[in-house]
C-alpha atoms as a PDB file:
ATOM      1  CA  UNK A   1     109.610 115.070 102.284  1.00  0.00           C
ATOM      2  CA  UNK A   2     107.314 117.279 100.355  1.00  0.00           C
ATOM      3  CA  UNK A   3     104.616 114.525 100.207  1.00  0.00           C
ATOM      4  CA  UNK A   4     104.162 114.322 103.982  1.00  0.00           C
ATOM      5  CA  UNK A   5     103.975 118.327 104.215  1.00  0.00           C
ATOM      6  CA  UNK A   6     101.314 118.191 101.554  1.00  0.00           C
ATOM      7  CA  UNK A   7      99.485 115.645 103.443  1.00  0.00           C
ATOM      8  CA  UNK A   8      99.585 117.338 106.676  1.00  0.00           C
ATOM      9  CA  UNK A   9      96.683 119.790 105.623  1.00  0.00           C
ATOM     10  CA  UNK A  10      94.471 116.855 104.960  1.00  0.00           C
ATOM     11  CA  UNK A  11      93.416 118.034 101.517  1.00  0.00           C
ATOM     12  CA  UNK A  12      90.484 116.521 100.004  1.00  0.00           C
ATOM     13  CA  UNK A  13      92.267 116.465  96.385  1.00  0.00           C
ATOM     14  CA  UNK A  14      95.945 115.878  95.932  1.00  0.00           C
ATOM     15  CA  UNK A  15      97.677 116.097  92.595  1.00  0.00           C
ATOM     16  CA  UNK A  16     101.240 114.721  92.313  1.00  0.00           C
ATOM     17  CA  UNK A  17     103.586 114.788  89.395  1.00  0.00           C
ATOM     18  CA  UNK A  18     105.669 111.598  89.189  1.00  0.00           C
ATOM     19  CA  UNK A  19     105.641 110.913  92.999  1.00  0.00           C
ATOM     20  CA  UNK A  20     107.336 107.416  92.483  1.00  0.00           C
ATOM     21  CA  UNK A  21     110.180 109.003  90.229  1.00  0.00           C
ATOM     22  CA  UNK A  22     113.726 108.022  91.087  1.00  0.00           C
ATOM     23  CA  UNK A  23     112.475 105.784  94.255  1.00  0.00           C
ATOM     24  CA  UNK A  24     113.920 102.310  94.880  1.00  0.00           C
ATOM     25  CA  UNK A  25     111.509  99.441  95.378  1.00  0.00           C
ATOM     26  CA  UNK A  26     111.363  99.988  99.286  1.00  0.00           C
ATOM     27  CA  UNK A  27     110.594 103.619  98.908  1.00  0.00           C
ATOM     28  CA  UNK A  28     107.815 103.012  96.281  1.00  0.00           C
ATOM     29  CA  UNK A  29     106.277 100.542  98.844  1.00  0.00           C
ATOM     30  CA  UNK A  30     106.344 103.187 101.514  1.00  0.00           C
ATOM     31  CA  UNK A  31     104.955 105.752  99.348  1.00  0.00           C
ATOM     32  CA  UNK A  32     102.030 103.551  98.311  1.00  0.00           C
ATOM     33  CA  UNK A  33     101.198 102.910 101.780  1.00  0.00           C
ATOM     34  CA  UNK A  34     101.052 106.590 102.696  1.00  0.00           C
ATOM     35  CA  UNK A  35      98.846 107.364  99.495  1.00  0.00           C
ATOM     36  CA  UNK A  36      96.700 104.224 100.298  1.00  0.00           C
ATOM     37  CA  UNK A  37      96.084 105.756 103.677  1.00  0.00           C
ATOM     38  CA  UNK A  38      95.110 108.958 102.203  1.00  0.00           C
ATOM     39  CA  UNK A  39      92.662 107.478  99.412  1.00  0.00           C
ATOM     40  CA  UNK A  40      90.870 105.213 102.409  1.00  0.00           C
ATOM     41  CA  UNK A  41      89.599 108.790 103.970  1.00  0.00           C
ATOM     42  CA  UNK A  42      87.372 109.116 100.605  1.00  0.00           C
ATOM     43  CA  UNK A  43      89.700 111.668  99.420  1.00  0.00           C
ATOM     44  CA  UNK A  44      90.761 111.855  95.513  1.00  0.00           C
ATOM     45  CA  UNK A  45      94.410 111.470  94.362  1.00  0.00           C
ATOM     46  CA  UNK A  46      95.558 112.305  90.687  1.00  0.00           C
ATOM     47  CA  UNK A  47      98.983 111.532  89.768  1.00  0.00           C
ATOM     48  CA  UNK A  48     101.224 111.260  86.733  1.00  0.00           C
ATOM     49  CA  UNK A  49     103.426 108.252  86.249  1.00  0.00           C
ATOM     50  CA  UNK A  50     105.758 106.434  83.711  1.00  0.00           C
ATOM     51  CA  UNK A  51     106.353 103.376  85.664  1.00  0.00           C
ATOM     52  CA  UNK A  52     103.823 100.597  84.217  1.00  0.00           C
ATOM     53  CA  UNK A  53     103.944  98.472  87.308  1.00  0.00           C
ATOM     54  CA  UNK A  54     102.471 101.315  89.429  1.00  0.00           C
ATOM     55  CA  UNK A  55      99.319 101.027  87.249  1.00  0.00           C
ATOM     56  CA  UNK A  56      97.793  98.590  89.205  1.00  0.00           C
ATOM     57  CA  UNK A  57      97.905 100.926  92.369  1.00  0.00           C
ATOM     58  CA  UNK A  58      95.466 103.059  90.516  1.00  0.00           C
ATOM     59  CA  UNK A  59      91.522 102.797  90.137  1.00  0.00           C
ATOM     60  CA  UNK A  60      91.596 104.438  86.810  1.00  0.00           C
ATOM     61  CA  UNK A  61      94.425 104.767  84.267  1.00  0.00           C
ATOM     62  CA  UNK A  62      94.756 106.977  81.287  1.00  0.00           C
ATOM     63  CA  UNK A  63      97.383 107.420  78.761  1.00  0.00           C
ATOM     64  CA  UNK A  64      98.401 110.649  76.954  1.00  0.00           C
ATOM     65  CA  UNK A  65      99.548 110.185  73.396  1.00  0.00           C
ATOM     66  CA  UNK A  66     100.009 112.924  70.950  1.00  0.00           C
ATOM     67  CA  UNK A  67      97.755 115.343  72.756  1.00  0.00           C
ATOM     68  CA  UNK A  68      95.166 112.705  73.160  1.00  0.00           C
ATOM     69  CA  UNK A  69      93.906 111.298  76.567  1.00  0.00           C
ATOM     70  CA  UNK A  70      92.682 107.651  76.388  1.00  0.00           C
ATOM     71  CA  UNK A  71      91.497 105.660  79.154  1.00  0.00           C
ATOM     72  CA  UNK A  72      93.201 102.385  79.617  1.00  0.00           C
ATOM     73  CA  UNK A  73      91.546 100.878  82.584  1.00  0.00           C
END
């Protein structure tokens, strides 16, 4: 899995494009656990997402609409 490979170098910042796309519920939970462990080490995670239920996982949520970026939470 590319996510695991990206985490092996223990980067300070991690930018992911749709990391939960095409995953079933069990796999989404597994990825959430991996990313939670990553973030507890004072690291920054930025990811794009279109699954609204994932928004609770994020500290801050922004929406892109018509070339405009708006903070939702």
